[in-house]
N, C-alpha and C. Protein backbone atom coordinates (compact mmCIF):
# COMPACT_ATOMS: atom_id res chain seq x y z
N MET A 1 262.46 -35.99 15.91
CA MET A 1 261.38 -36.59 15.16
C MET A 1 261.32 -35.98 13.75
N ALA A 2 261.10 -36.83 12.78
CA ALA A 2 261.07 -36.38 11.38
C ALA A 2 259.82 -35.57 11.10
N LYS A 3 259.97 -34.59 10.22
CA LYS A 3 258.83 -33.80 9.74
C LYS A 3 258.49 -34.30 8.35
N LEU A 4 257.19 -34.42 8.08
CA LEU A 4 256.74 -34.95 6.80
C LEU A 4 256.21 -33.82 5.92
N PHE A 5 256.64 -33.85 4.67
CA PHE A 5 256.21 -32.88 3.67
C PHE A 5 255.69 -33.64 2.46
N ALA A 6 254.64 -33.11 1.84
CA ALA A 6 254.14 -33.64 0.57
C ALA A 6 254.13 -32.48 -0.41
N TYR A 7 254.91 -32.62 -1.46
CA TYR A 7 254.96 -31.63 -2.54
C TYR A 7 254.05 -32.18 -3.64
N THR A 8 253.02 -31.43 -3.99
CA THR A 8 252.00 -31.94 -4.90
C THR A 8 251.88 -31.06 -6.14
N ASP A 9 251.51 -31.70 -7.26
CA ASP A 9 251.28 -30.91 -8.47
C ASP A 9 250.37 -31.70 -9.41
N GLY A 10 249.68 -30.95 -10.26
CA GLY A 10 248.84 -31.52 -11.30
C GLY A 10 249.23 -30.94 -12.64
N ALA A 11 248.96 -31.69 -13.70
CA ALA A 11 249.28 -31.23 -15.05
C ALA A 11 248.18 -31.70 -15.99
N CYS A 12 247.96 -30.94 -17.03
CA CYS A 12 246.94 -31.30 -18.01
C CYS A 12 247.39 -30.81 -19.38
N SER A 13 247.18 -31.66 -20.38
CA SER A 13 247.51 -31.29 -21.76
C SER A 13 246.20 -30.96 -22.45
N GLY A 14 245.91 -29.68 -22.55
CA GLY A 14 244.56 -29.25 -22.90
C GLY A 14 243.81 -29.18 -21.58
N ASN A 15 242.76 -28.44 -21.53
CA ASN A 15 242.05 -28.32 -20.26
C ASN A 15 240.56 -28.15 -20.57
N PRO A 16 239.82 -29.25 -20.78
CA PRO A 16 240.16 -30.63 -20.40
C PRO A 16 241.02 -31.34 -21.43
N GLY A 17 241.57 -32.45 -20.96
CA GLY A 17 242.41 -33.31 -21.78
C GLY A 17 243.08 -34.34 -20.90
N PRO A 18 244.08 -35.05 -21.43
CA PRO A 18 244.81 -36.00 -20.59
C PRO A 18 245.52 -35.25 -19.48
N GLY A 19 245.52 -35.84 -18.29
CA GLY A 19 246.14 -35.17 -17.16
C GLY A 19 246.84 -36.13 -16.24
N GLY A 20 247.68 -35.57 -15.37
CA GLY A 20 248.40 -36.37 -14.39
C GLY A 20 248.59 -35.61 -13.10
N TRP A 21 248.85 -36.35 -12.06
CA TRP A 21 249.16 -35.77 -10.75
C TRP A 21 250.42 -36.42 -10.22
N GLY A 22 251.17 -35.67 -9.41
CA GLY A 22 252.40 -36.19 -8.83
C GLY A 22 252.57 -35.72 -7.40
N VAL A 23 253.21 -36.58 -6.61
CA VAL A 23 253.46 -36.28 -5.20
C VAL A 23 254.88 -36.72 -4.85
N LEU A 24 255.62 -35.83 -4.22
CA LEU A 24 256.90 -36.16 -3.62
C LEU A 24 256.69 -36.10 -2.11
N LEU A 25 256.71 -37.26 -1.46
CA LEU A 25 256.59 -37.34 0.00
C LEU A 25 257.99 -37.41 0.57
N ARG A 26 258.28 -36.56 1.53
CA ARG A 26 259.63 -36.51 2.08
C ARG A 26 259.59 -36.34 3.59
N ALA A 27 260.27 -37.24 4.30
CA ALA A 27 260.45 -37.11 5.75
C ALA A 27 261.82 -36.50 5.99
N MET A 28 261.83 -35.45 6.78
CA MET A 28 263.06 -34.69 7.03
C MET A 28 263.38 -34.65 8.52
N GLU A 29 264.66 -34.81 8.83
CA GLU A 29 265.17 -34.53 10.18
C GLU A 29 266.17 -33.41 10.00
N GLY A 30 265.78 -32.21 10.39
CA GLY A 30 266.61 -31.04 10.11
C GLY A 30 266.66 -30.86 8.61
N SER A 31 267.86 -30.81 8.05
CA SER A 31 268.01 -30.66 6.61
C SER A 31 268.29 -32.00 5.92
N GLU A 32 268.20 -33.09 6.68
CA GLU A 32 268.50 -34.41 6.13
C GLU A 32 267.23 -35.15 5.74
N ILE A 33 267.23 -35.71 4.51
CA ILE A 33 266.12 -36.54 4.05
C ILE A 33 266.29 -37.92 4.67
N VAL A 34 265.29 -38.36 5.43
CA VAL A 34 265.39 -39.69 6.05
C VAL A 34 264.56 -40.73 5.30
N LYS A 35 263.57 -40.28 4.57
CA LYS A 35 262.75 -41.20 3.78
C LYS A 35 262.07 -40.39 2.68
N GLN A 36 261.91 -41.03 1.52
CA GLN A 36 261.26 -40.35 0.41
C GLN A 36 260.46 -41.35 -0.40
N ARG A 37 259.31 -40.91 -0.88
CA ARG A 37 258.44 -41.75 -1.71
C ARG A 37 257.84 -40.87 -2.79
N GLU A 38 257.64 -41.43 -3.97
CA GLU A 38 257.02 -40.69 -5.06
C GLU A 38 255.76 -41.42 -5.51
N LEU A 39 254.71 -40.64 -5.79
CA LEU A 39 253.43 -41.17 -6.25
C LEU A 39 253.04 -40.43 -7.52
N LYS A 40 252.34 -41.11 -8.40
CA LYS A 40 251.85 -40.45 -9.61
C LYS A 40 250.68 -41.23 -10.17
N GLY A 41 249.88 -40.55 -10.97
CA GLY A 41 248.75 -41.17 -11.64
C GLY A 41 248.17 -40.19 -12.63
N GLY A 42 247.12 -40.61 -13.31
CA GLY A 42 246.52 -39.71 -14.29
C GLY A 42 245.19 -40.23 -14.78
N GLU A 43 244.61 -39.47 -15.68
CA GLU A 43 243.32 -39.78 -16.28
C GLU A 43 243.34 -39.33 -17.74
N ALA A 44 242.52 -40.00 -18.54
CA ALA A 44 242.48 -39.71 -19.97
C ALA A 44 241.79 -38.38 -20.28
N GLN A 45 240.75 -38.03 -19.54
CA GLN A 45 239.98 -36.82 -19.81
C GLN A 45 239.69 -36.13 -18.49
N THR A 46 240.39 -35.03 -18.23
CA THR A 46 240.30 -34.38 -16.93
C THR A 46 240.66 -32.91 -17.06
N THR A 47 240.79 -32.24 -15.93
CA THR A 47 241.21 -30.83 -15.91
C THR A 47 242.40 -30.67 -14.97
N ASN A 48 243.09 -29.55 -15.12
CA ASN A 48 244.21 -29.25 -14.26
C ASN A 48 243.78 -29.19 -12.80
N ASN A 49 242.64 -28.55 -12.52
CA ASN A 49 242.18 -28.44 -11.14
C ASN A 49 241.90 -29.80 -10.53
N ARG A 50 241.31 -30.71 -11.29
CA ARG A 50 241.06 -32.07 -10.77
C ARG A 50 242.38 -32.77 -10.45
N MET A 51 243.38 -32.58 -11.28
CA MET A 51 244.67 -33.22 -11.04
C MET A 51 245.37 -32.63 -9.82
N GLU A 52 245.26 -31.31 -9.64
CA GLU A 52 245.81 -30.69 -8.44
C GLU A 52 245.15 -31.26 -7.18
N LEU A 53 243.83 -31.40 -7.21
CA LEU A 53 243.11 -31.97 -6.08
C LEU A 53 243.52 -33.42 -5.84
N LEU A 54 243.61 -34.22 -6.91
CA LEU A 54 243.97 -35.63 -6.75
C LEU A 54 245.38 -35.80 -6.21
N ALA A 55 246.28 -34.90 -6.53
CA ALA A 55 247.63 -34.98 -5.96
C ALA A 55 247.57 -34.86 -4.44
N ALA A 56 246.85 -33.85 -3.94
CA ALA A 56 246.74 -33.66 -2.50
C ALA A 56 245.99 -34.83 -1.85
N ILE A 57 244.92 -35.28 -2.48
CA ILE A 57 244.14 -36.40 -1.94
C ILE A 57 245.02 -37.65 -1.83
N ASN A 58 245.73 -37.98 -2.89
CA ASN A 58 246.56 -39.18 -2.88
C ASN A 58 247.70 -39.07 -1.88
N ALA A 59 248.25 -37.88 -1.70
CA ALA A 59 249.29 -37.69 -0.67
C ALA A 59 248.74 -38.08 0.70
N LEU A 60 247.56 -37.56 1.03
CA LEU A 60 246.97 -37.82 2.35
C LEU A 60 246.48 -39.27 2.48
N GLU A 61 245.84 -39.78 1.43
CA GLU A 61 245.30 -41.14 1.50
C GLU A 61 246.40 -42.20 1.51
N SER A 62 247.62 -41.84 1.14
CA SER A 62 248.72 -42.81 1.16
C SER A 62 249.27 -43.03 2.57
N LEU A 63 248.93 -42.15 3.48
CA LEU A 63 249.44 -42.26 4.85
C LEU A 63 248.66 -43.33 5.61
N THR A 64 249.37 -44.17 6.34
CA THR A 64 248.73 -45.32 6.99
C THR A 64 248.28 -45.06 8.42
N ARG A 65 248.66 -43.91 8.98
CA ARG A 65 248.22 -43.56 10.33
C ARG A 65 248.12 -42.05 10.44
N PRO A 66 247.39 -41.55 11.43
CA PRO A 66 247.30 -40.09 11.59
C PRO A 66 248.70 -39.47 11.69
N THR A 67 248.91 -38.43 10.92
CA THR A 67 250.24 -37.86 10.75
C THR A 67 250.16 -36.34 10.71
N GLU A 68 251.21 -35.71 11.23
CA GLU A 68 251.37 -34.26 11.05
C GLU A 68 252.15 -34.06 9.76
N ILE A 69 251.57 -33.31 8.84
CA ILE A 69 252.15 -33.17 7.50
C ILE A 69 251.96 -31.76 6.98
N THR A 70 252.94 -31.29 6.22
CA THR A 70 252.83 -30.03 5.50
C THR A 70 252.67 -30.36 4.03
N ILE A 71 251.57 -29.89 3.44
CA ILE A 71 251.36 -30.07 2.01
C ILE A 71 251.76 -28.78 1.32
N VAL A 72 252.68 -28.92 0.37
CA VAL A 72 253.20 -27.78 -0.38
C VAL A 72 252.65 -27.89 -1.79
N THR A 73 251.84 -26.92 -2.18
CA THR A 73 251.19 -26.92 -3.49
C THR A 73 251.45 -25.61 -4.21
N ASP A 74 251.43 -25.68 -5.54
CA ASP A 74 251.52 -24.43 -6.31
C ASP A 74 250.13 -24.01 -6.79
N SER A 75 249.10 -24.66 -6.24
CA SER A 75 247.72 -24.38 -6.64
C SER A 75 247.00 -23.54 -5.58
N ASN A 76 246.76 -22.27 -5.92
CA ASN A 76 245.93 -21.44 -5.03
C ASN A 76 244.52 -22.01 -4.95
N TYR A 77 244.04 -22.63 -6.02
CA TYR A 77 242.72 -23.27 -6.04
C TYR A 77 242.61 -24.28 -4.90
N VAL A 78 243.60 -25.16 -4.78
CA VAL A 78 243.56 -26.18 -3.73
C VAL A 78 243.75 -25.54 -2.36
N LYS A 79 244.79 -24.72 -2.20
CA LYS A 79 245.07 -24.14 -0.88
C LYS A 79 243.91 -23.27 -0.39
N ASN A 80 243.44 -22.36 -1.25
CA ASN A 80 242.35 -21.48 -0.82
C ASN A 80 241.05 -22.25 -0.63
N GLY A 81 240.83 -23.24 -1.48
CA GLY A 81 239.61 -24.03 -1.36
C GLY A 81 239.53 -24.78 -0.05
N ILE A 82 240.61 -25.48 0.32
CA ILE A 82 240.56 -26.33 1.51
C ILE A 82 240.73 -25.55 2.81
N THR A 83 241.35 -24.38 2.74
CA THR A 83 241.56 -23.61 3.98
C THR A 83 240.53 -22.50 4.16
N GLY A 84 239.69 -22.25 3.15
CA GLY A 84 238.75 -21.14 3.27
C GLY A 84 237.40 -21.40 2.64
N TRP A 85 237.38 -21.52 1.33
CA TRP A 85 236.12 -21.61 0.60
C TRP A 85 235.23 -22.78 1.05
N ILE A 86 235.86 -23.88 1.43
CA ILE A 86 235.10 -25.10 1.75
C ILE A 86 234.09 -24.89 2.88
N PHE A 87 234.41 -23.99 3.80
CA PHE A 87 233.49 -23.77 4.93
C PHE A 87 232.17 -23.18 4.45
N GLY A 88 232.23 -22.23 3.53
CA GLY A 88 231.02 -21.66 2.95
C GLY A 88 230.28 -22.66 2.09
N TRP A 89 231.03 -23.47 1.32
CA TRP A 89 230.39 -24.49 0.49
C TRP A 89 229.58 -25.46 1.32
N LYS A 90 230.15 -25.89 2.44
CA LYS A 90 229.44 -26.83 3.32
C LYS A 90 228.18 -26.17 3.89
N THR A 91 228.34 -24.94 4.35
CA THR A 91 227.20 -24.21 4.92
C THR A 91 226.09 -24.02 3.89
N ASN A 92 226.48 -23.79 2.62
CA ASN A 92 225.52 -23.51 1.55
C ASN A 92 225.12 -24.75 0.76
N GLY A 93 225.31 -25.95 1.35
CA GLY A 93 224.89 -27.17 0.67
C GLY A 93 225.68 -27.45 -0.59
N TRP A 94 226.98 -27.17 -0.56
CA TRP A 94 227.88 -27.39 -1.69
C TRP A 94 227.49 -26.57 -2.92
N LYS A 95 227.07 -25.33 -2.63
CA LYS A 95 226.83 -24.33 -3.67
C LYS A 95 227.86 -23.21 -3.47
N ASN A 96 228.29 -22.64 -4.59
CA ASN A 96 229.26 -21.55 -4.51
C ASN A 96 228.54 -20.22 -4.29
N ALA A 97 229.29 -19.13 -4.30
CA ALA A 97 228.71 -17.81 -4.05
C ALA A 97 227.64 -17.45 -5.08
N ALA A 98 227.74 -18.00 -6.28
CA ALA A 98 226.75 -17.73 -7.33
C ALA A 98 225.57 -18.71 -7.26
N LYS A 99 225.50 -19.48 -6.17
CA LYS A 99 224.42 -20.45 -5.93
C LYS A 99 224.44 -21.62 -6.93
N LYS A 100 225.58 -21.84 -7.56
CA LYS A 100 225.76 -22.96 -8.49
C LYS A 100 226.47 -24.09 -7.76
N PRO A 101 226.29 -25.33 -8.23
CA PRO A 101 227.02 -26.43 -7.59
C PRO A 101 228.54 -26.21 -7.66
N VAL A 102 229.21 -26.54 -6.57
CA VAL A 102 230.67 -26.40 -6.51
C VAL A 102 231.31 -27.36 -7.51
N ALA A 103 232.21 -26.85 -8.34
CA ALA A 103 232.95 -27.69 -9.27
C ALA A 103 233.82 -28.67 -8.49
N ASN A 104 233.84 -29.91 -8.93
CA ASN A 104 234.68 -30.95 -8.32
C ASN A 104 234.29 -31.25 -6.87
N ALA A 105 233.01 -31.09 -6.55
CA ALA A 105 232.55 -31.28 -5.17
C ALA A 105 232.94 -32.64 -4.61
N GLU A 106 232.86 -33.69 -5.43
CA GLU A 106 233.19 -35.02 -4.92
C GLU A 106 234.66 -35.11 -4.51
N LEU A 107 235.53 -34.41 -5.22
CA LEU A 107 236.95 -34.41 -4.85
C LEU A 107 237.20 -33.52 -3.63
N TRP A 108 236.51 -32.41 -3.54
CA TRP A 108 236.64 -31.56 -2.34
C TRP A 108 236.19 -32.33 -1.09
N LYS A 109 235.10 -33.08 -1.21
CA LYS A 109 234.61 -33.87 -0.07
C LYS A 109 235.64 -34.94 0.31
N ARG A 110 236.24 -35.56 -0.69
CA ARG A 110 237.26 -36.58 -0.45
C ARG A 110 238.49 -35.96 0.21
N LEU A 111 238.92 -34.80 -0.27
CA LEU A 111 240.07 -34.12 0.32
C LEU A 111 239.78 -33.70 1.75
N ASP A 112 238.58 -33.20 1.99
CA ASP A 112 238.18 -32.79 3.33
C ASP A 112 238.22 -33.98 4.29
N ALA A 113 237.68 -35.11 3.86
CA ALA A 113 237.68 -36.31 4.71
C ALA A 113 239.12 -36.77 4.96
N ALA A 114 239.95 -36.75 3.93
CA ALA A 114 241.34 -37.19 4.07
C ALA A 114 242.11 -36.29 5.02
N GLN A 115 241.91 -34.99 4.93
CA GLN A 115 242.69 -34.09 5.79
C GLN A 115 242.25 -34.19 7.25
N HIS A 116 241.01 -34.58 7.49
CA HIS A 116 240.55 -34.70 8.88
C HIS A 116 241.16 -35.90 9.61
N GLN A 117 241.84 -36.77 8.87
CA GLN A 117 242.54 -37.89 9.50
C GLN A 117 243.93 -37.47 10.00
N HIS A 118 244.35 -36.27 9.66
CA HIS A 118 245.72 -35.83 9.91
C HIS A 118 245.73 -34.40 10.44
N LYS A 119 246.91 -33.94 10.84
CA LYS A 119 247.11 -32.53 11.18
C LYS A 119 247.87 -31.93 10.01
N VAL A 120 247.16 -31.16 9.19
CA VAL A 120 247.71 -30.69 7.92
C VAL A 120 247.97 -29.19 7.97
N THR A 121 249.16 -28.81 7.53
CA THR A 121 249.50 -27.41 7.29
C THR A 121 249.60 -27.25 5.78
N TRP A 122 248.91 -26.26 5.24
CA TRP A 122 248.90 -26.02 3.80
C TRP A 122 249.82 -24.86 3.47
N THR A 123 250.71 -25.05 2.50
CA THR A 123 251.66 -24.02 2.09
C THR A 123 251.61 -23.88 0.58
N TRP A 124 251.66 -22.64 0.10
CA TRP A 124 251.68 -22.38 -1.33
C TRP A 124 253.08 -21.96 -1.74
N VAL A 125 253.53 -22.47 -2.91
CA VAL A 125 254.77 -22.00 -3.53
C VAL A 125 254.46 -21.65 -4.97
N LYS A 126 255.22 -20.72 -5.50
CA LYS A 126 255.05 -20.35 -6.91
C LYS A 126 255.52 -21.50 -7.79
N GLY A 127 254.68 -21.91 -8.73
CA GLY A 127 255.03 -22.99 -9.63
C GLY A 127 256.01 -22.56 -10.70
N HIS A 128 256.77 -23.51 -11.19
CA HIS A 128 257.72 -23.28 -12.29
C HIS A 128 258.67 -22.13 -11.98
N ALA A 129 259.08 -22.09 -10.71
CA ALA A 129 259.96 -21.00 -10.27
C ALA A 129 261.28 -21.55 -9.71
N GLY A 130 261.61 -22.79 -10.06
CA GLY A 130 262.88 -23.35 -9.62
C GLY A 130 262.88 -23.98 -8.25
N HIS A 131 261.72 -24.17 -7.63
CA HIS A 131 261.63 -24.85 -6.34
C HIS A 131 261.84 -26.34 -6.61
N PRO A 132 262.96 -26.94 -6.18
CA PRO A 132 263.32 -28.30 -6.61
C PRO A 132 262.23 -29.35 -6.34
N GLU A 133 261.62 -29.31 -5.17
CA GLU A 133 260.61 -30.32 -4.85
C GLU A 133 259.33 -30.11 -5.66
N ASN A 134 258.98 -28.85 -5.89
CA ASN A 134 257.82 -28.57 -6.73
C ASN A 134 258.10 -28.99 -8.17
N GLU A 135 259.31 -28.76 -8.63
CA GLU A 135 259.68 -29.18 -9.99
C GLU A 135 259.60 -30.70 -10.11
N ARG A 136 260.02 -31.43 -9.07
CA ARG A 136 259.95 -32.89 -9.12
C ARG A 136 258.49 -33.34 -9.11
N ALA A 137 257.64 -32.71 -8.33
CA ALA A 137 256.21 -33.05 -8.33
C ALA A 137 255.62 -32.81 -9.71
N ASP A 138 256.04 -31.74 -10.37
CA ASP A 138 255.58 -31.45 -11.73
C ASP A 138 256.04 -32.55 -12.70
N GLU A 139 257.29 -32.99 -12.57
CA GLU A 139 257.79 -34.08 -13.42
C GLU A 139 256.95 -35.35 -13.21
N LEU A 140 256.65 -35.65 -11.95
CA LEU A 140 255.84 -36.83 -11.65
C LEU A 140 254.45 -36.70 -12.24
N ALA A 141 253.87 -35.51 -12.18
CA ALA A 141 252.54 -35.29 -12.76
C ALA A 141 252.58 -35.52 -14.27
N ARG A 142 253.62 -35.05 -14.91
CA ARG A 142 253.75 -35.25 -16.36
C ARG A 142 253.98 -36.73 -16.69
N GLU A 143 254.72 -37.43 -15.84
CA GLU A 143 254.90 -38.88 -16.02
C GLU A 143 253.56 -39.60 -15.85
N GLY A 144 252.77 -39.15 -14.87
CA GLY A 144 251.45 -39.75 -14.64
C GLY A 144 250.50 -39.54 -15.80
N MET A 145 250.71 -38.46 -16.54
CA MET A 145 249.87 -38.13 -17.69
C MET A 145 250.25 -38.94 -18.93
N LYS A 146 251.52 -39.32 -19.06
CA LYS A 146 252.05 -39.93 -20.28
C LYS A 146 251.20 -41.08 -20.83
N PRO A 147 250.74 -42.03 -20.00
CA PRO A 147 249.98 -43.16 -20.58
C PRO A 147 248.66 -42.74 -21.25
N PHE A 148 248.20 -41.54 -20.97
CA PHE A 148 246.90 -41.09 -21.47
C PHE A 148 247.03 -40.13 -22.66
N LYS A 149 248.26 -39.77 -23.01
CA LYS A 149 248.48 -38.84 -24.11
C LYS A 149 248.53 -39.58 -25.44
N THR A 150 247.97 -38.98 -26.47
CA THR A 150 248.06 -39.50 -27.82
C THR A 150 248.94 -38.54 -28.60
N PRO A 151 249.40 -38.94 -29.79
CA PRO A 151 250.25 -38.00 -30.56
C PRO A 151 249.58 -36.64 -30.76
N ALA A 152 248.25 -36.60 -30.88
CA ALA A 152 247.55 -35.34 -31.10
C ALA A 152 247.59 -34.44 -29.87
N THR A 153 247.75 -35.03 -28.65
CA THR A 153 247.76 -34.22 -27.42
C THR A 153 249.16 -33.97 -26.92
N THR A 154 250.17 -34.45 -27.57
CA THR A 154 251.55 -34.26 -27.12
C THR A 154 252.00 -32.83 -27.43
N ARG A 155 252.55 -32.18 -26.40
CA ARG A 155 253.16 -30.89 -26.63
C ARG A 155 254.49 -30.81 -25.95
């Protein structure tokens, strides 16, 4: 049986500024790729953290049936948030440790709902460290950002 992986990444030019998210979905049987799909999108005015969250959300929401999946992210914000911090946020009425509203709460709620449809394993990898699938997710995120960039935001 194939194992499913989603390599996710977000990018932002300025923070806030134009941003994009990218997902490389890959079904593997052993070391063989049996199916692959790429997703990307972006927003004109956003943050890197929002794009990281939207990458994971879109990976999960693209699945048409309950699935066992490993999400590979270079975002400690996403991994730590969904595997740890979220439990306290829910208990505290979506307030953080400083009693302030949780940033991006609507996206955290969406990610939480999406992950409950599946059996998700969360894995962190170091970004921009030569991990081929993470590098491809980064390229997709930058492609997703392109329609929202102006000459002034191009770097």
